[in-house]
């Protein structure tokens, strides 16, 4: 059975320094947003720190990578929901304007 990670501040700092940039590149690839990518990776490392007693030692990097993937997926789904909501508003506004134009043209 793999041993639980004993993640000291020093080890955490090393892990963060070693993988942060690569994980940010991955997150940026999916989000296209530098700030979002930085936030996602930071949140994932904070999650690792919070769960440091539960994560198995050989799986620290994998834990963060899977967390980055999941957060990117959530970010993209949220972005899609916002886009769809804006599209509905735009379509309703456009239909309303067309109705007003037709009403004025008939008069």
N, C-alpha and C. Protein backbone atom coordinates (compact mmCIF):
# COMPACT_ATOMS: atom_id res chain seq x y z
N UNK A 1 0.85 -1.18 0.00
CA UNK A 1 0.00 0.00 0.00
C UNK A 1 0.89 1.25 0.00
N UNK A 2 0.67 2.21 -0.94
CA UNK A 2 1.52 3.39 -0.97
C UNK A 2 1.41 4.19 0.32
N UNK A 3 2.51 4.77 0.68
CA UNK A 3 2.52 5.55 1.92
C UNK A 3 1.92 6.93 1.68
N UNK A 4 1.22 7.47 2.70
CA UNK A 4 0.69 8.82 2.55
C UNK A 4 1.84 9.81 2.41
N UNK A 5 1.59 10.87 1.68
CA UNK A 5 2.62 11.88 1.49
C UNK A 5 2.85 12.64 2.78
N UNK A 6 4.10 12.82 3.10
CA UNK A 6 4.43 13.72 4.20
C UNK A 6 4.93 14.98 3.50
N UNK A 7 4.00 15.86 3.27
CA UNK A 7 4.28 17.04 2.47
C UNK A 7 4.64 18.20 3.38
N UNK A 8 5.92 18.47 3.46
CA UNK A 8 6.39 19.61 4.25
C UNK A 8 6.24 20.88 3.42
N UNK A 9 6.38 21.99 4.06
CA UNK A 9 6.32 23.27 3.34
C UNK A 9 7.41 23.33 2.27
N UNK A 10 8.58 22.81 2.62
CA UNK A 10 9.70 22.84 1.68
C UNK A 10 9.40 21.99 0.44
N UNK A 11 8.88 20.77 0.66
CA UNK A 11 8.53 19.89 -0.46
C UNK A 11 7.42 20.51 -1.31
N UNK A 12 6.45 21.10 -0.63
CA UNK A 12 5.36 21.75 -1.34
C UNK A 12 5.91 22.88 -2.21
N UNK A 13 6.78 23.68 -1.64
CA UNK A 13 7.39 24.79 -2.37
C UNK A 13 8.18 24.29 -3.58
N UNK A 14 8.92 23.20 -3.41
CA UNK A 14 9.67 22.61 -4.52
C UNK A 14 8.72 22.14 -5.62
N UNK A 15 7.67 21.47 -5.22
CA UNK A 15 6.68 20.96 -6.17
C UNK A 15 6.02 22.12 -6.93
N UNK A 16 5.66 23.15 -6.20
CA UNK A 16 5.03 24.32 -6.81
C UNK A 16 5.97 24.96 -7.81
N UNK A 17 7.21 25.17 -7.41
CA UNK A 17 8.20 25.81 -8.28
C UNK A 17 8.47 24.96 -9.52
N UNK A 18 8.54 23.67 -9.34
CA UNK A 18 8.86 22.76 -10.45
C UNK A 18 7.73 22.65 -11.47
N UNK A 19 6.48 22.62 -11.02
CA UNK A 19 5.37 22.30 -11.91
C UNK A 19 4.43 23.45 -12.24
N UNK A 20 4.50 24.53 -11.51
CA UNK A 20 3.54 25.62 -11.70
C UNK A 20 3.46 26.08 -13.16
N UNK A 21 4.60 26.39 -13.76
CA UNK A 21 4.60 26.92 -15.12
C UNK A 21 4.02 25.93 -16.12
N UNK A 22 4.40 24.67 -15.99
CA UNK A 22 3.88 23.65 -16.91
C UNK A 22 2.36 23.50 -16.76
N UNK A 23 1.89 23.49 -15.52
CA UNK A 23 0.45 23.36 -15.30
C UNK A 23 -0.30 24.60 -15.78
N UNK A 24 0.32 25.77 -15.62
CA UNK A 24 -0.31 27.00 -16.13
C UNK A 24 -0.42 26.96 -17.65
N UNK A 25 0.61 26.42 -18.31
CA UNK A 25 0.55 26.29 -19.77
C UNK A 25 -0.59 25.37 -20.19
N UNK A 26 -0.76 24.29 -19.46
CA UNK A 26 -1.85 23.36 -19.75
C UNK A 26 -3.20 24.06 -19.56
N UNK A 27 -3.34 24.74 -18.44
CA UNK A 27 -4.60 25.45 -18.16
C UNK A 27 -4.85 26.55 -19.20
N UNK A 28 -3.80 27.26 -19.59
CA UNK A 28 -3.95 28.31 -20.60
C UNK A 28 -4.36 27.72 -21.95
N UNK A 29 -3.81 26.56 -22.27
CA UNK A 29 -4.16 25.89 -23.53
C UNK A 29 -5.68 25.70 -23.62
N UNK A 30 -6.31 25.36 -22.52
CA UNK A 30 -7.75 25.12 -22.53
C UNK A 30 -8.57 26.39 -22.33
N UNK A 31 -8.10 27.31 -21.51
CA UNK A 31 -8.90 28.50 -21.21
C UNK A 31 -8.63 29.66 -22.15
N UNK A 32 -7.39 29.76 -22.63
CA UNK A 32 -7.03 30.92 -23.45
C UNK A 32 -6.98 32.19 -22.64
N UNK A 33 -6.89 32.07 -21.33
CA UNK A 33 -6.94 33.21 -20.42
C UNK A 33 -5.82 33.04 -19.38
N UNK A 34 -4.83 33.95 -19.43
CA UNK A 34 -3.67 33.82 -18.53
C UNK A 34 -4.06 33.92 -17.06
N UNK A 35 -4.92 34.88 -16.75
CA UNK A 35 -5.32 35.06 -15.35
C UNK A 35 -6.09 33.84 -14.85
N UNK A 36 -6.99 33.33 -15.66
CA UNK A 36 -7.77 32.14 -15.28
C UNK A 36 -6.83 30.96 -15.08
N UNK A 37 -5.86 30.80 -15.97
CA UNK A 37 -4.91 29.69 -15.86
C UNK A 37 -4.12 29.79 -14.56
N UNK A 38 -3.65 30.97 -14.22
CA UNK A 38 -2.91 31.17 -12.97
C UNK A 38 -3.79 30.85 -11.77
N UNK A 39 -5.03 31.35 -11.79
CA UNK A 39 -5.95 31.10 -10.68
C UNK A 39 -6.27 29.61 -10.53
N UNK A 40 -6.49 28.95 -11.64
CA UNK A 40 -6.80 27.52 -11.61
C UNK A 40 -5.65 26.74 -10.98
N UNK A 41 -4.43 27.01 -11.43
CA UNK A 41 -3.27 26.28 -10.91
C UNK A 41 -3.05 26.59 -9.44
N UNK A 42 -3.18 27.84 -9.07
CA UNK A 42 -3.02 28.21 -7.66
C UNK A 42 -4.06 27.49 -6.80
N UNK A 43 -5.31 27.48 -7.25
CA UNK A 43 -6.37 26.79 -6.51
C UNK A 43 -6.06 25.30 -6.36
N UNK A 44 -5.53 24.71 -7.42
CA UNK A 44 -5.22 23.27 -7.38
C UNK A 44 -4.08 22.97 -6.42
N UNK A 45 -3.09 23.83 -6.38
CA UNK A 45 -2.00 23.62 -5.41
C UNK A 45 -2.50 23.84 -3.98
N UNK A 46 -3.40 24.81 -3.80
CA UNK A 46 -3.97 25.02 -2.46
C UNK A 46 -4.79 23.80 -2.04
N UNK A 47 -5.48 23.21 -3.00
CA UNK A 47 -6.24 21.99 -2.72
C UNK A 47 -5.31 20.85 -2.31
N UNK A 48 -4.18 20.75 -2.98
CA UNK A 48 -3.18 19.74 -2.60
C UNK A 48 -2.72 19.97 -1.17
N UNK A 49 -2.44 21.23 -0.84
CA UNK A 49 -1.98 21.52 0.51
C UNK A 49 -3.04 21.15 1.54
N UNK A 50 -4.30 21.47 1.22
CA UNK A 50 -5.40 21.15 2.14
C UNK A 50 -5.56 19.64 2.34
N UNK A 51 -5.28 18.87 1.28
CA UNK A 51 -5.47 17.41 1.34
C UNK A 51 -4.15 16.65 1.42
N UNK A 52 -3.10 17.32 1.86
CA UNK A 52 -1.76 16.75 1.85
C UNK A 52 -1.64 15.45 2.65
N UNK A 53 -2.49 15.27 3.64
CA UNK A 53 -2.42 14.05 4.45
C UNK A 53 -3.16 12.87 3.80
N UNK A 54 -3.93 13.15 2.75
CA UNK A 54 -4.72 12.12 2.09
C UNK A 54 -4.09 11.62 0.79
N UNK A 55 -3.26 12.46 0.18
CA UNK A 55 -2.70 12.14 -1.13
C UNK A 55 -1.48 11.23 -0.95
N UNK A 56 -1.41 10.21 -1.79
CA UNK A 56 -0.29 9.27 -1.70
C UNK A 56 0.97 9.90 -2.30
N UNK A 57 2.11 9.55 -1.72
CA UNK A 57 3.37 10.18 -2.07
C UNK A 57 3.69 10.18 -3.57
N UNK A 58 3.61 9.04 -4.26
CA UNK A 58 3.97 9.12 -5.68
C UNK A 58 2.92 9.83 -6.53
N UNK A 59 1.81 10.24 -5.94
CA UNK A 59 0.74 10.82 -6.73
C UNK A 59 0.55 12.32 -6.58
N UNK A 60 1.51 13.02 -6.01
CA UNK A 60 1.33 14.45 -5.77
C UNK A 60 1.14 15.24 -7.06
N UNK A 61 2.03 15.02 -8.03
CA UNK A 61 1.94 15.75 -9.30
C UNK A 61 0.66 15.37 -10.04
N UNK A 62 0.33 14.08 -10.01
CA UNK A 62 -0.88 13.61 -10.68
C UNK A 62 -2.12 14.23 -10.04
N UNK A 63 -2.11 14.36 -8.72
CA UNK A 63 -3.24 14.97 -8.02
C UNK A 63 -3.48 16.39 -8.55
N UNK A 64 -2.40 17.16 -8.65
CA UNK A 64 -2.54 18.54 -9.13
C UNK A 64 -2.96 18.56 -10.60
N UNK A 65 -2.38 17.70 -11.41
CA UNK A 65 -2.71 17.67 -12.83
C UNK A 65 -4.19 17.32 -13.05
N UNK A 66 -4.69 16.34 -12.34
CA UNK A 66 -6.11 15.98 -12.46
C UNK A 66 -6.99 17.12 -11.96
N UNK A 67 -6.57 17.78 -10.90
CA UNK A 67 -7.32 18.92 -10.39
C UNK A 67 -7.35 20.06 -11.41
N UNK A 68 -6.22 20.30 -12.08
CA UNK A 68 -6.16 21.34 -13.13
C UNK A 68 -7.14 20.99 -14.25
N UNK A 69 -7.12 19.74 -14.67
CA UNK A 69 -8.02 19.29 -15.74
C UNK A 69 -9.47 19.52 -15.34
N UNK A 70 -9.82 19.12 -14.12
CA UNK A 70 -11.21 19.28 -13.67
C UNK A 70 -11.61 20.75 -13.56
N UNK A 71 -10.70 21.57 -13.05
CA UNK A 71 -11.02 23.00 -12.92
C UNK A 71 -11.14 23.66 -14.28
N UNK A 72 -10.32 23.24 -15.24
CA UNK A 72 -10.44 23.78 -16.60
C UNK A 72 -11.79 23.39 -17.20
N UNK A 73 -12.19 22.16 -16.97
CA UNK A 73 -13.48 21.70 -17.46
C UNK A 73 -14.62 22.51 -16.85
N UNK A 74 -14.56 22.74 -15.56
CA UNK A 74 -15.57 23.56 -14.89
C UNK A 74 -15.56 24.98 -15.43
N UNK A 75 -14.37 25.54 -15.62
CA UNK A 75 -14.22 26.90 -16.14
C UNK A 75 -14.86 26.99 -17.52
N UNK A 76 -14.57 26.01 -18.39
CA UNK A 76 -15.11 26.02 -19.75
C UNK A 76 -16.63 25.86 -19.75
N UNK A 77 -17.13 25.01 -18.88
CA UNK A 77 -18.60 24.84 -18.80
C UNK A 77 -19.26 26.12 -18.32
N UNK A 78 -18.67 26.78 -17.33
CA UNK A 78 -19.20 28.06 -16.87
C UNK A 78 -19.17 29.10 -17.98
N UNK A 79 -18.06 29.14 -18.71
CA UNK A 79 -17.92 30.08 -19.83
C UNK A 79 -18.99 29.82 -20.88
N UNK A 80 -19.23 28.54 -21.17
CA UNK A 80 -20.25 28.18 -22.15
C UNK A 80 -21.65 28.60 -21.68
N UNK A 81 -21.94 28.39 -20.39
CA UNK A 81 -23.23 28.82 -19.84
C UNK A 81 -23.41 30.33 -19.96
N UNK A 82 -22.36 31.08 -19.63
CA UNK A 82 -22.44 32.54 -19.76
C UNK A 82 -22.64 32.95 -21.21
N UNK A 83 -21.90 32.32 -22.10
CA UNK A 83 -22.04 32.63 -23.53
C UNK A 83 -23.46 32.35 -24.00
N UNK A 84 -24.01 31.20 -23.62
CA UNK A 84 -25.37 30.86 -24.03
C UNK A 84 -26.40 31.85 -23.47
N UNK A 85 -26.20 32.28 -22.24
CA UNK A 85 -27.11 33.26 -21.64
C UNK A 85 -27.03 34.59 -22.39
N UNK A 86 -25.82 35.01 -22.74
CA UNK A 86 -25.66 36.26 -23.48
C UNK A 86 -26.27 36.15 -24.88
N UNK A 87 -26.14 34.99 -25.49
CA UNK A 87 -26.75 34.77 -26.81
C UNK A 87 -28.26 34.90 -26.73
N UNK A 88 -28.87 34.32 -25.69
CA UNK A 88 -30.32 34.41 -25.53
C UNK A 88 -30.75 35.86 -25.37
N UNK A 89 -30.01 36.59 -24.54
CA UNK A 89 -30.33 38.01 -24.34
C UNK A 89 -30.19 38.78 -25.64
N UNK A 90 -29.10 38.52 -26.37
CA UNK A 90 -28.86 39.19 -27.65
C UNK A 90 -29.98 38.87 -28.64
N UNK A 91 -30.37 37.61 -28.71
CA UNK A 91 -31.43 37.22 -29.64
C UNK A 91 -32.76 37.85 -29.29
N UNK A 92 -33.08 37.90 -28.00
CA UNK A 92 -34.34 38.53 -27.57
C UNK A 92 -34.32 40.03 -27.85
N UNK A 93 -33.19 40.65 -27.60
CA UNK A 93 -33.06 42.09 -27.86
C UNK A 93 -33.19 42.36 -29.35
N UNK A 94 -32.55 41.55 -30.15
CA UNK A 94 -32.62 41.71 -31.60
C UNK A 94 -34.05 41.53 -32.09
N UNK A 95 -34.75 40.52 -31.59
CA UNK A 95 -36.14 40.29 -31.98
C UNK A 95 -37.02 41.47 -31.57
N UNK A 96 -36.77 42.02 -30.39
CA UNK A 96 -37.54 43.17 -29.91
C UNK A 96 -37.31 44.38 -30.82
N UNK A 97 -36.07 44.61 -31.20
CA UNK A 97 -35.75 45.74 -32.08
C UNK A 97 -36.40 45.55 -33.44
N UNK A 98 -36.33 44.33 -33.98
CA UNK A 98 -36.97 44.05 -35.27
C UNK A 98 -38.47 44.30 -35.21
N UNK A 99 -39.10 43.91 -34.11
CA UNK A 99 -40.52 44.15 -33.94
C UNK A 99 -40.82 45.64 -33.94
N UNK A 100 -40.01 46.42 -33.24
CA UNK A 100 -40.22 47.88 -33.20
C UNK A 100 -40.04 48.50 -34.58
N UNK A 101 -39.03 48.02 -35.32
CA UNK A 101 -38.80 48.53 -36.68
C UNK A 101 -40.01 48.24 -37.55
N UNK A 102 -40.49 46.99 -37.53
CA UNK A 102 -41.65 46.62 -38.35
C UNK A 102 -42.88 47.43 -37.95
N UNK A 103 -43.05 47.65 -36.65
CA UNK A 103 -44.20 48.42 -36.18
C UNK A 103 -44.14 49.84 -36.72
N UNK A 104 -42.94 50.42 -36.66
CA UNK A 104 -42.80 51.80 -37.16
C UNK A 104 -42.95 51.86 -38.67
N UNK A 105 -42.48 50.86 -39.38
CA UNK A 105 -42.58 50.86 -40.84
C UNK A 105 -44.02 50.72 -41.30
N UNK A 106 -44.83 49.99 -40.53
CA UNK A 106 -46.23 49.78 -40.91
C UNK A 106 -47.03 51.06 -40.69
N UNK A 107 -46.69 51.81 -39.67
CA UNK A 107 -47.45 53.03 -39.34
C UNK A 107 -47.24 54.12 -40.36
